[in-house]
Amino acid sequence: PSGSMNGLILVGGQSVRMGTDKSQLSYHGKPQWQYLYDLLLPFCQKTYLSCRQNQKDNFTNCPLLIDTYETGPIGGILSAFEQNPNEAWLVVACDMPFVNEKTIGFLIQNRNPIQIATAFQNPQTQLPEPLLTIWEPAAYLFLQEAYAKGQRSPFRLLQHSDVNLIKCPQPDWLRNVNTTEELGNIAL
């Protein structure tokens, strides 16, 4: 796969259902944001955390991208493209504790820069997983247009676009943990 890319870890969610900041949960002996940041470093030219303005003091020693939209994941992705519209963005949500080196390697290996994104196909739903995706520079205009029309769901955007959908060899990679009940059922 050609072309460089940046990493973007989405940590700007409100974590309402969890009751505590999901990016600070420790599944791998360190806060999840730090785990993902360390994980993406070897794969990406530069890696950023996407956060809200009022969160920026929660994260130290790593580049931050302040989400200027504050409208969920699409705002974080758009803010990243505003920072650098000419490079791809490998986006990972902070609530996916099973993402590992193999996950990222597999996604990059199967990347197709000709399409607007490369995403895993969720084995349960057969639909794209937008928060573990490589968004190509061509996606920027597409995302801007969708946002201008009031469309805020990266999931729906991927459903209706030219996306390289790849089969997920490990369904757990796509599991996200949003509630204390889901957290209690985690065995890494």
N, C-alpha and C. Protein backbone atom coordinates (compact mmCIF):
# COMPACT_ATOMS: atom_id res chain seq x y z
N PRO A 1 0.84 -1.21 0.00
CA PRO A 1 0.00 0.00 0.00
C PRO A 1 0.87 1.25 0.00
N SER A 2 0.54 2.15 -0.88
CA SER A 2 1.36 3.35 -0.99
C SER A 2 0.80 4.47 -0.14
N GLY A 3 1.60 5.47 0.06
CA GLY A 3 1.14 6.66 0.77
C GLY A 3 1.31 6.55 2.27
N SER A 4 1.67 7.67 2.85
CA SER A 4 1.84 7.68 4.30
C SER A 4 0.48 7.95 4.94
N MET A 5 0.41 7.72 6.22
CA MET A 5 -0.83 8.02 6.92
C MET A 5 -0.53 8.38 8.36
N ASN A 6 -1.46 9.11 8.93
CA ASN A 6 -1.40 9.48 10.33
C ASN A 6 -2.37 8.61 11.11
N GLY A 7 -2.12 8.48 12.40
CA GLY A 7 -3.04 7.77 13.28
C GLY A 7 -3.91 8.76 14.03
N LEU A 8 -5.15 8.38 14.26
CA LEU A 8 -6.08 9.23 15.01
C LEU A 8 -6.83 8.35 15.99
N ILE A 9 -6.63 8.61 17.28
CA ILE A 9 -7.31 7.86 18.32
C ILE A 9 -8.44 8.74 18.86
N LEU A 10 -9.66 8.25 18.70
CA LEU A 10 -10.84 9.02 19.12
C LEU A 10 -11.06 8.84 20.62
N VAL A 11 -10.82 9.90 21.38
CA VAL A 11 -11.01 9.85 22.84
C VAL A 11 -12.00 10.91 23.31
N GLY A 12 -12.70 11.55 22.37
CA GLY A 12 -13.54 12.70 22.70
C GLY A 12 -14.95 12.39 23.15
N GLY A 13 -15.30 11.13 23.24
CA GLY A 13 -16.66 10.77 23.65
C GLY A 13 -16.95 11.16 25.09
N GLN A 14 -18.22 11.25 25.42
CA GLN A 14 -18.64 11.65 26.77
C GLN A 14 -18.59 10.48 27.76
N SER A 15 -18.56 9.24 27.27
CA SER A 15 -18.52 8.03 28.11
C SER A 15 -19.67 7.98 29.12
N VAL A 16 -20.84 8.44 28.70
CA VAL A 16 -21.99 8.54 29.60
C VAL A 16 -22.40 7.17 30.13
N ARG A 17 -22.52 6.18 29.24
CA ARG A 17 -22.98 4.84 29.66
C ARG A 17 -21.95 4.15 30.56
N MET A 18 -20.67 4.45 30.35
CA MET A 18 -19.63 3.81 31.17
C MET A 18 -19.54 4.49 32.54
N GLY A 19 -19.83 5.78 32.58
CA GLY A 19 -19.76 6.51 33.85
C GLY A 19 -18.35 6.98 34.19
N THR A 20 -17.38 6.64 33.36
CA THR A 20 -16.00 7.09 33.54
C THR A 20 -15.36 7.17 32.16
N ASP A 21 -14.33 7.98 32.01
CA ASP A 21 -13.69 8.20 30.72
C ASP A 21 -13.11 6.88 30.18
N LYS A 22 -13.67 6.39 29.07
CA LYS A 22 -13.24 5.10 28.51
C LYS A 22 -11.78 5.12 28.07
N SER A 23 -11.28 6.28 27.70
CA SER A 23 -9.89 6.36 27.23
C SER A 23 -8.89 6.13 28.36
N GLN A 24 -9.36 6.28 29.62
CA GLN A 24 -8.48 6.12 30.78
C GLN A 24 -8.52 4.71 31.37
N LEU A 25 -9.43 3.85 30.87
CA LEU A 25 -9.51 2.48 31.37
C LEU A 25 -8.24 1.73 31.01
N SER A 26 -7.82 0.83 31.88
CA SER A 26 -6.59 0.08 31.65
C SER A 26 -6.89 -1.39 31.37
N TYR A 27 -6.69 -1.79 30.11
CA TYR A 27 -6.85 -3.20 29.73
C TYR A 27 -5.48 -3.88 29.58
N HIS A 28 -4.45 -3.09 29.33
CA HIS A 28 -3.13 -3.62 28.99
C HIS A 28 -2.05 -3.06 29.91
N GLY A 29 -2.42 -2.73 31.14
CA GLY A 29 -1.44 -2.22 32.09
C GLY A 29 -1.14 -0.74 31.97
N LYS A 30 -1.90 -0.04 31.13
CA LYS A 30 -1.76 1.41 30.98
C LYS A 30 -3.08 1.95 30.45
N PRO A 31 -3.31 3.26 30.57
CA PRO A 31 -4.58 3.79 30.04
C PRO A 31 -4.75 3.42 28.57
N GLN A 32 -5.99 3.17 28.15
CA GLN A 32 -6.25 2.71 26.79
C GLN A 32 -5.74 3.69 25.73
N TRP A 33 -5.84 5.00 26.00
CA TRP A 33 -5.32 5.97 25.02
C TRP A 33 -3.83 5.78 24.81
N GLN A 34 -3.10 5.50 25.90
CA GLN A 34 -1.65 5.33 25.83
C GLN A 34 -1.31 4.02 25.10
N TYR A 35 -2.07 2.97 25.39
CA TYR A 35 -1.89 1.68 24.71
C TYR A 35 -2.04 1.86 23.19
N LEU A 36 -3.13 2.52 22.78
CA LEU A 36 -3.39 2.70 21.34
C LEU A 36 -2.35 3.63 20.70
N TYR A 37 -1.96 4.65 21.43
CA TYR A 37 -0.94 5.58 20.92
C TYR A 37 0.37 4.81 20.66
N ASP A 38 0.80 4.04 21.65
CA ASP A 38 2.03 3.24 21.49
C ASP A 38 1.88 2.23 20.36
N LEU A 39 0.69 1.66 20.24
CA LEU A 39 0.42 0.66 19.20
C LEU A 39 0.54 1.26 17.80
N LEU A 40 0.00 2.46 17.60
CA LEU A 40 -0.02 3.06 16.26
C LEU A 40 1.31 3.68 15.84
N LEU A 41 2.15 4.05 16.81
CA LEU A 41 3.40 4.75 16.49
C LEU A 41 4.22 4.08 15.37
N PRO A 42 4.48 2.77 15.42
CA PRO A 42 5.31 2.18 14.37
C PRO A 42 4.61 2.13 13.00
N PHE A 43 3.30 2.24 12.97
CA PHE A 43 2.56 2.10 11.72
C PHE A 43 2.28 3.44 11.04
N CYS A 44 2.30 4.52 11.80
CA CYS A 44 1.85 5.82 11.29
C CYS A 44 2.98 6.84 11.32
N GLN A 45 2.91 7.78 10.40
CA GLN A 45 3.89 8.84 10.36
C GLN A 45 3.85 9.66 11.65
N LYS A 46 2.63 10.01 12.05
CA LYS A 46 2.42 10.74 13.30
C LYS A 46 1.07 10.30 13.85
N THR A 47 0.95 10.22 15.16
CA THR A 47 -0.30 9.80 15.77
C THR A 47 -0.81 10.88 16.71
N TYR A 48 -2.11 11.11 16.68
CA TYR A 48 -2.76 12.15 17.48
C TYR A 48 -3.90 11.56 18.28
N LEU A 49 -4.22 12.23 19.37
CA LEU A 49 -5.46 11.94 20.08
C LEU A 49 -6.46 13.01 19.68
N SER A 50 -7.66 12.60 19.33
CA SER A 50 -8.73 13.53 19.02
C SER A 50 -9.58 13.68 20.28
N CYS A 51 -9.62 14.90 20.83
CA CYS A 51 -10.36 15.12 22.08
C CYS A 51 -11.11 16.44 22.05
N ARG A 52 -11.99 16.62 23.02
CA ARG A 52 -12.70 17.89 23.19
C ARG A 52 -11.77 18.88 23.89
N GLN A 53 -12.04 20.15 23.70
CA GLN A 53 -11.25 21.22 24.31
C GLN A 53 -11.11 21.03 25.82
N ASN A 54 -12.22 20.64 26.49
CA ASN A 54 -12.19 20.52 27.95
C ASN A 54 -11.51 19.24 28.44
N GLN A 55 -10.99 18.43 27.52
CA GLN A 55 -10.29 17.19 27.91
C GLN A 55 -8.78 17.31 27.77
N LYS A 56 -8.30 18.36 27.14
CA LYS A 56 -6.91 18.37 26.70
C LYS A 56 -5.89 18.21 27.83
N ASP A 57 -6.25 18.54 29.06
CA ASP A 57 -5.31 18.39 30.17
C ASP A 57 -5.24 16.95 30.69
N ASN A 58 -6.13 16.07 30.17
CA ASN A 58 -6.14 14.66 30.61
C ASN A 58 -5.06 13.83 29.94
N PHE A 59 -4.41 14.37 28.91
CA PHE A 59 -3.48 13.59 28.11
C PHE A 59 -2.14 14.31 28.06
N THR A 60 -1.07 13.58 28.36
CA THR A 60 0.25 14.20 28.40
C THR A 60 1.18 13.54 27.41
N ASN A 61 2.16 14.31 26.96
CA ASN A 61 3.24 13.79 26.12
C ASN A 61 2.80 13.14 24.83
N CYS A 62 1.73 13.64 24.22
CA CYS A 62 1.38 13.17 22.89
C CYS A 62 0.61 14.27 22.17
N PRO A 63 0.72 14.28 20.84
CA PRO A 63 0.04 15.33 20.07
C PRO A 63 -1.48 15.21 20.17
N LEU A 64 -2.13 16.33 20.37
CA LEU A 64 -3.59 16.37 20.45
C LEU A 64 -4.16 17.11 19.25
N LEU A 65 -5.32 16.67 18.81
CA LEU A 65 -6.11 17.40 17.83
C LEU A 65 -7.43 17.73 18.52
N ILE A 66 -7.67 18.99 18.73
CA ILE A 66 -8.91 19.40 19.39
C ILE A 66 -10.04 19.31 18.37
N ASP A 67 -11.07 18.58 18.73
CA ASP A 67 -12.24 18.42 17.87
C ASP A 67 -13.01 19.73 17.86
N THR A 68 -13.00 20.42 16.72
CA THR A 68 -13.65 21.72 16.63
C THR A 68 -15.15 21.59 16.37
N TYR A 69 -15.63 20.38 16.10
CA TYR A 69 -17.04 20.17 15.80
C TYR A 69 -17.83 19.69 17.01
N GLU A 70 -17.21 18.82 17.80
CA GLU A 70 -17.85 18.20 18.97
C GLU A 70 -19.20 17.58 18.63
N THR A 71 -19.22 16.83 17.53
CA THR A 71 -20.45 16.15 17.12
C THR A 71 -20.19 14.66 16.94
N GLY A 72 -19.42 14.08 17.84
CA GLY A 72 -19.14 12.66 17.75
C GLY A 72 -17.95 12.37 16.84
N PRO A 73 -17.81 11.10 16.48
CA PRO A 73 -16.62 10.66 15.73
C PRO A 73 -16.40 11.41 14.42
N ILE A 74 -17.48 11.77 13.72
CA ILE A 74 -17.30 12.46 12.44
C ILE A 74 -16.58 13.79 12.64
N GLY A 75 -16.85 14.45 13.77
CA GLY A 75 -16.18 15.72 14.07
C GLY A 75 -14.68 15.53 14.26
N GLY A 76 -14.31 14.46 14.94
CA GLY A 76 -12.89 14.17 15.15
C GLY A 76 -12.18 13.89 13.83
N ILE A 77 -12.84 13.12 12.96
CA ILE A 77 -12.25 12.77 11.67
C ILE A 77 -12.13 14.02 10.79
N LEU A 78 -13.16 14.84 10.77
CA LEU A 78 -13.11 16.10 10.00
C LEU A 78 -12.02 17.03 10.52
N SER A 79 -11.90 17.14 11.83
CA SER A 79 -10.86 17.99 12.43
C SER A 79 -9.48 17.50 12.01
N ALA A 80 -9.31 16.19 11.92
CA ALA A 80 -8.03 15.61 11.51
C ALA A 80 -7.72 15.97 10.06
N PHE A 81 -8.71 15.84 9.19
CA PHE A 81 -8.50 16.19 7.78
C PHE A 81 -8.23 17.69 7.61
N GLU A 82 -8.82 18.52 8.47
CA GLU A 82 -8.52 19.95 8.39
C GLU A 82 -7.05 20.20 8.73
N GLN A 83 -6.53 19.43 9.66
CA GLN A 83 -5.13 19.52 10.05
C GLN A 83 -4.23 19.07 8.91
N ASN A 84 -4.59 17.97 8.26
CA ASN A 84 -3.78 17.45 7.16
C ASN A 84 -4.69 16.75 6.15
N PRO A 85 -5.15 17.50 5.12
CA PRO A 85 -6.10 16.95 4.16
C PRO A 85 -5.48 16.02 3.12
N ASN A 86 -4.15 16.00 3.04
CA ASN A 86 -3.50 15.26 1.95
C ASN A 86 -2.97 13.90 2.35
N GLU A 87 -3.23 13.49 3.55
CA GLU A 87 -2.77 12.17 4.00
C GLU A 87 -3.94 11.37 4.53
N ALA A 88 -3.79 10.06 4.47
CA ALA A 88 -4.81 9.17 5.01
C ALA A 88 -4.75 9.22 6.54
N TRP A 89 -5.86 8.86 7.16
CA TRP A 89 -5.96 8.80 8.61
C TRP A 89 -6.44 7.42 9.02
N LEU A 90 -5.62 6.74 9.82
CA LEU A 90 -6.01 5.46 10.40
C LEU A 90 -6.70 5.79 11.72
N VAL A 91 -8.00 5.59 11.76
CA VAL A 91 -8.81 6.00 12.91
C VAL A 91 -9.15 4.78 13.77
N VAL A 92 -8.94 4.93 15.08
CA VAL A 92 -9.28 3.87 16.04
C VAL A 92 -10.02 4.51 17.22
N ALA A 93 -11.14 3.93 17.59
CA ALA A 93 -11.87 4.41 18.77
C ALA A 93 -11.23 3.85 20.03
N CYS A 94 -11.27 4.63 21.11
CA CYS A 94 -10.60 4.22 22.36
C CYS A 94 -11.35 3.12 23.10
N ASP A 95 -12.56 2.78 22.65
CA ASP A 95 -13.34 1.78 23.39
C ASP A 95 -13.24 0.38 22.77
N MET A 96 -12.15 0.13 22.03
CA MET A 96 -11.95 -1.17 21.39
C MET A 96 -10.71 -1.85 21.98
N PRO A 97 -10.87 -2.54 23.12
CA PRO A 97 -9.71 -3.08 23.84
C PRO A 97 -9.00 -4.25 23.15
N PHE A 98 -9.62 -4.86 22.14
CA PHE A 98 -9.02 -6.03 21.51
C PHE A 98 -8.18 -5.70 20.28
N VAL A 99 -8.12 -4.43 19.93
CA VAL A 99 -7.27 -4.01 18.81
C VAL A 99 -5.82 -4.24 19.22
N ASN A 100 -5.05 -4.87 18.32
CA ASN A 100 -3.65 -5.14 18.62
C ASN A 100 -2.79 -4.97 17.36
N GLU A 101 -1.53 -5.36 17.45
CA GLU A 101 -0.61 -5.23 16.32
C GLU A 101 -1.11 -5.95 15.08
N LYS A 102 -1.65 -7.16 15.28
CA LYS A 102 -2.16 -7.95 14.15
C LYS A 102 -3.33 -7.22 13.48
N THR A 103 -4.19 -6.62 14.29
CA THR A 103 -5.35 -5.89 13.76
C THR A 103 -4.89 -4.78 12.82
N ILE A 104 -3.98 -3.95 13.33
CA ILE A 104 -3.51 -2.79 12.56
C ILE A 104 -2.73 -3.26 11.32
N GLY A 105 -1.88 -4.27 11.50
CA GLY A 105 -1.12 -4.81 10.37
C GLY A 105 -2.04 -5.34 9.28
N PHE A 106 -3.09 -6.06 9.68
CA PHE A 106 -4.03 -6.64 8.73
C PHE A 106 -4.78 -5.55 7.96
N LEU A 107 -5.21 -4.52 8.69
CA LEU A 107 -5.92 -3.41 8.06
C LEU A 107 -5.02 -2.72 7.02
N ILE A 108 -3.78 -2.45 7.39
CA ILE A 108 -2.85 -1.77 6.49
C ILE A 108 -2.51 -2.65 5.29
N GLN A 109 -2.29 -3.93 5.54
CA GLN A 109 -1.98 -4.88 4.45
C GLN A 109 -3.09 -4.90 3.40
N ASN A 110 -4.31 -4.75 3.84
CA ASN A 110 -5.47 -4.84 2.94
C ASN A 110 -5.97 -3.48 2.47
N ARG A 111 -5.21 -2.45 2.75
CA ARG A 111 -5.59 -1.08 2.38
C ARG A 111 -5.67 -0.93 0.86
N ASN A 112 -6.67 -0.20 0.43
CA ASN A 112 -6.78 0.15 -0.97
C ASN A 112 -6.95 1.66 -1.07
N PRO A 113 -5.85 2.40 -1.35
CA PRO A 113 -5.90 3.86 -1.35
C PRO A 113 -6.77 4.45 -2.47
N ILE A 114 -7.20 3.62 -3.42
CA ILE A 114 -8.04 4.10 -4.51
C ILE A 114 -9.47 4.38 -4.01
N GLN A 115 -9.91 3.62 -3.02
CA GLN A 115 -11.26 3.81 -2.48
C GLN A 115 -11.20 4.83 -1.34
N ILE A 116 -12.36 5.37 -0.93
CA ILE A 116 -12.31 6.45 0.07
C ILE A 116 -11.93 5.94 1.45
N ALA A 117 -12.11 4.63 1.68
CA ALA A 117 -11.77 4.08 2.99
C ALA A 117 -11.55 2.58 2.88
N THR A 118 -10.78 2.06 3.83
CA THR A 118 -10.64 0.62 4.01
C THR A 118 -11.15 0.32 5.41
N ALA A 119 -12.17 -0.52 5.47
CA ALA A 119 -12.82 -0.81 6.75
C ALA A 119 -13.04 -2.30 6.92
N PHE A 120 -13.05 -2.73 8.16
CA PHE A 120 -13.41 -4.11 8.46
C PHE A 120 -14.91 -4.28 8.28
N GLN A 121 -15.30 -5.45 7.81
CA GLN A 121 -16.71 -5.81 7.73
C GLN A 121 -17.06 -6.54 9.02
N ASN A 122 -18.03 -6.03 9.74
CA ASN A 122 -18.45 -6.66 10.99
C ASN A 122 -19.08 -8.01 10.65
N PRO A 123 -18.52 -9.12 11.19
CA PRO A 123 -19.03 -10.44 10.83
C PRO A 123 -20.49 -10.67 11.25
N GLN A 124 -20.95 -10.00 12.30
CA GLN A 124 -22.34 -10.17 12.74
C GLN A 124 -23.31 -9.45 11.80
N THR A 125 -22.97 -8.22 11.41
CA THR A 125 -23.91 -7.39 10.66
C THR A 125 -23.59 -7.33 9.16
N GLN A 126 -22.38 -7.75 8.80
CA GLN A 126 -21.87 -7.62 7.42
C GLN A 126 -21.68 -6.16 7.00
N LEU A 127 -21.73 -5.26 7.96
CA LEU A 127 -21.62 -3.83 7.67
C LEU A 127 -20.23 -3.31 8.05
N PRO A 128 -19.83 -2.16 7.51
CA PRO A 128 -18.50 -1.62 7.81
C PRO A 128 -18.39 -1.11 9.24
N GLU A 129 -17.19 -1.23 9.81
CA GLU A 129 -16.89 -0.72 11.14
C GLU A 129 -16.15 0.61 10.97
N PRO A 130 -16.83 1.74 11.17
CA PRO A 130 -16.23 3.04 10.85
C PRO A 130 -15.14 3.51 11.81
N LEU A 131 -15.09 2.94 13.02
CA LEU A 131 -14.16 3.47 14.00
C LEU A 131 -12.91 2.62 14.15
N LEU A 132 -12.65 1.82 13.13
CA LEU A 132 -11.38 1.11 12.99
C LEU A 132 -11.17 1.03 11.48
N THR A 133 -10.82 2.19 10.90
CA THR A 133 -10.85 2.37 9.45
C THR A 133 -9.71 3.27 9.00
N ILE A 134 -9.22 3.02 7.79
CA ILE A 134 -8.30 3.96 7.16
C ILE A 134 -9.13 4.82 6.21
N TRP A 135 -9.19 6.12 6.52
CA TRP A 135 -9.91 7.09 5.70
C TRP A 135 -8.89 7.75 4.78
N GLU A 136 -9.08 7.62 3.48
CA GLU A 136 -8.17 8.19 2.49
C GLU A 136 -8.46 9.68 2.30
N PRO A 137 -7.48 10.44 1.75
CA PRO A 137 -7.70 11.88 1.51
C PRO A 137 -8.97 12.17 0.71
N ALA A 138 -9.34 11.28 -0.20
CA ALA A 138 -10.56 11.47 -1.00
C ALA A 138 -11.81 11.50 -0.13
N ALA A 139 -11.72 10.97 1.07
CA ALA A 139 -12.89 10.95 1.96
C ALA A 139 -13.21 12.33 2.53
N TYR A 140 -12.22 13.21 2.55
CA TYR A 140 -12.40 14.51 3.20
C TYR A 140 -13.58 15.29 2.60
N LEU A 141 -13.59 15.44 1.29
CA LEU A 141 -14.66 16.18 0.63
C LEU A 141 -16.01 15.49 0.88
N PHE A 142 -15.98 14.19 0.78
CA PHE A 142 -17.18 13.38 1.01
C PHE A 142 -17.73 13.61 2.43
N LEU A 143 -16.84 13.60 3.42
CA LEU A 143 -17.24 13.83 4.81
C LEU A 143 -17.77 15.26 5.01
N GLN A 144 -17.10 16.23 4.38
CA GLN A 144 -17.56 17.64 4.48
C GLN A 144 -18.96 17.79 3.91
N GLU A 145 -19.19 17.20 2.75
CA GLU A 145 -20.52 17.30 2.11
C GLU A 145 -21.58 16.65 2.98
N ALA A 146 -21.28 15.48 3.52
CA ALA A 146 -22.24 14.78 4.39
C ALA A 146 -22.55 15.62 5.62
N TYR A 147 -21.49 16.19 6.21
CA TYR A 147 -21.66 17.00 7.41
C TYR A 147 -22.55 18.22 7.11
N ALA A 148 -22.30 18.85 5.97
CA ALA A 148 -23.08 20.03 5.56
C ALA A 148 -24.56 19.68 5.38
N LYS A 149 -24.83 18.44 5.02
CA LYS A 149 -26.23 17.99 4.85
C LYS A 149 -26.83 17.48 6.15
N GLY A 150 -26.07 17.57 7.25
CA GLY A 150 -26.59 17.14 8.54
C GLY A 150 -26.38 15.67 8.84
N GLN A 151 -25.61 15.00 8.01
CA GLN A 151 -25.33 13.58 8.25
C GLN A 151 -24.14 13.47 9.19
N ARG A 152 -24.34 12.82 10.33
CA ARG A 152 -23.31 12.77 11.36
C ARG A 152 -22.76 11.36 11.62
N SER A 153 -23.28 10.36 10.91
CA SER A 153 -22.90 8.98 11.20
C SER A 153 -21.85 8.46 10.22
N PRO A 154 -20.59 8.28 10.69
CA PRO A 154 -19.57 7.71 9.80
C PRO A 154 -19.98 6.31 9.32
N PHE A 155 -20.72 5.60 10.16
CA PHE A 155 -21.21 4.26 9.81
C PHE A 155 -22.09 4.33 8.56
N ARG A 156 -23.06 5.24 8.56
CA ARG A 156 -23.97 5.37 7.41
C ARG A 156 -23.22 5.84 6.17
N LEU A 157 -22.25 6.72 6.37
CA LEU A 157 -21.47 7.21 5.23
C LEU A 157 -20.71 6.06 4.56
N LEU A 158 -20.12 5.20 5.36
CA LEU A 158 -19.39 4.06 4.81
C LEU A 158 -20.34 3.08 4.12
N GLN A 159 -21.53 2.95 4.68
CA GLN A 159 -22.51 2.03 4.10
C GLN A 159 -22.87 2.41 2.68
N HIS A 160 -22.82 3.71 2.39
CA HIS A 160 -23.30 4.21 1.10
C HIS A 160 -22.17 4.80 0.26
N SER A 161 -20.96 4.24 0.37
CA SER A 161 -19.86 4.77 -0.42
C SER A 161 -18.96 3.67 -0.93
N ASP A 162 -18.00 4.08 -1.74
CA ASP A 162 -17.05 3.15 -2.34
C ASP A 162 -15.96 2.83 -1.33
N VAL A 163 -16.21 1.77 -0.56
CA VAL A 163 -15.33 1.40 0.54
C VAL A 163 -14.72 0.03 0.26
N ASN A 164 -13.47 -0.12 0.61
CA ASN A 164 -12.82 -1.42 0.55
C ASN A 164 -13.17 -2.16 1.84
N LEU A 165 -14.13 -3.06 1.77
CA LEU A 165 -14.58 -3.82 2.94
C LEU A 165 -13.76 -5.09 3.04
N ILE A 166 -13.12 -5.30 4.19
CA ILE A 166 -12.32 -6.51 4.36
C ILE A 166 -12.91 -7.39 5.46
N LYS A 167 -12.87 -8.68 5.22
CA LYS A 167 -13.37 -9.64 6.21
C LYS A 167 -12.48 -9.60 7.44
N CYS A 168 -13.09 -9.65 8.61
CA CYS A 168 -12.35 -9.57 9.86
C CYS A 168 -12.03 -10.98 10.36
N PRO A 169 -10.74 -11.36 10.38
CA PRO A 169 -10.38 -12.71 10.81
C PRO A 169 -10.61 -12.97 12.29
N GLN A 170 -10.65 -11.91 13.10
CA GLN A 170 -10.88 -12.04 14.54
C GLN A 170 -12.03 -11.11 14.94
N PRO A 171 -13.26 -11.61 15.02
CA PRO A 171 -14.40 -10.74 15.36
C PRO A 171 -14.20 -9.91 16.62
N ASP A 172 -13.43 -10.43 17.61
CA ASP A 172 -13.19 -9.68 18.84
C ASP A 172 -12.50 -8.34 18.59
N TRP A 173 -11.71 -8.25 17.53
CA TRP A 173 -11.04 -6.98 17.22
C TRP A 173 -12.04 -5.83 17.18
N LEU A 174 -13.25 -6.11 16.73
CA LEU A 174 -14.25 -5.06 16.52
C LEU A 174 -15.13 -4.81 17.74
N ARG A 175 -14.92 -5.60 18.79
CA ARG A 175 -15.76 -5.42 19.99
C ARG A 175 -15.44 -4.11 20.67
N ASN A 176 -16.49 -3.36 20.97
CA ASN A 176 -16.24 -2.18 21.79
C ASN A 176 -16.95 -2.32 23.13
N VAL A 177 -16.41 -1.59 24.09
CA VAL A 177 -16.86 -1.71 25.47
C VAL A 177 -17.37 -0.33 25.90
N ASN A 178 -18.70 -0.25 26.09
CA ASN A 178 -19.33 1.04 26.37
C ASN A 178 -20.00 1.13 27.73
N THR A 179 -20.22 -0.01 28.38
CA THR A 179 -20.95 0.01 29.65
C THR A 179 -20.15 -0.76 30.72
N THR A 180 -20.49 -0.52 31.97
CA THR A 180 -19.81 -1.25 33.05
C THR A 180 -20.11 -2.74 32.95
N GLU A 181 -21.31 -3.09 32.45
CA GLU A 181 -21.66 -4.50 32.27
C GLU A 181 -20.74 -5.14 31.23
N GLU A 182 -20.54 -4.47 30.08
CA GLU A 182 -19.64 -4.99 29.05
C GLU A 182 -18.21 -5.08 29.60
N LEU A 183 -17.83 -4.09 30.39
CA LEU A 183 -16.50 -4.07 31.00
C LEU A 183 -16.30 -5.28 31.90
N GLY A 184 -17.34 -5.65 32.64
CA GLY A 184 -17.27 -6.80 33.53
C GLY A 184 -17.14 -8.13 32.80
N ASN A 185 -17.50 -8.14 31.52
CA ASN A 185 -17.44 -9.37 30.73
C ASN A 185 -16.18 -9.49 29.90
N ILE A 186 -15.21 -8.62 30.13
CA ILE A 186 -13.98 -8.60 29.32
C ILE A 186 -12.97 -9.58 29.92
N ALA A 187 -12.45 -10.42 29.04
CA ALA A 187 -11.31 -11.27 29.40
C ALA A 187 -10.30 -11.15 28.28
N LEU A 188 -9.23 -10.42 28.53
CA LEU A 188 -8.23 -10.21 27.48
C LEU A 188 -7.21 -11.33 27.48
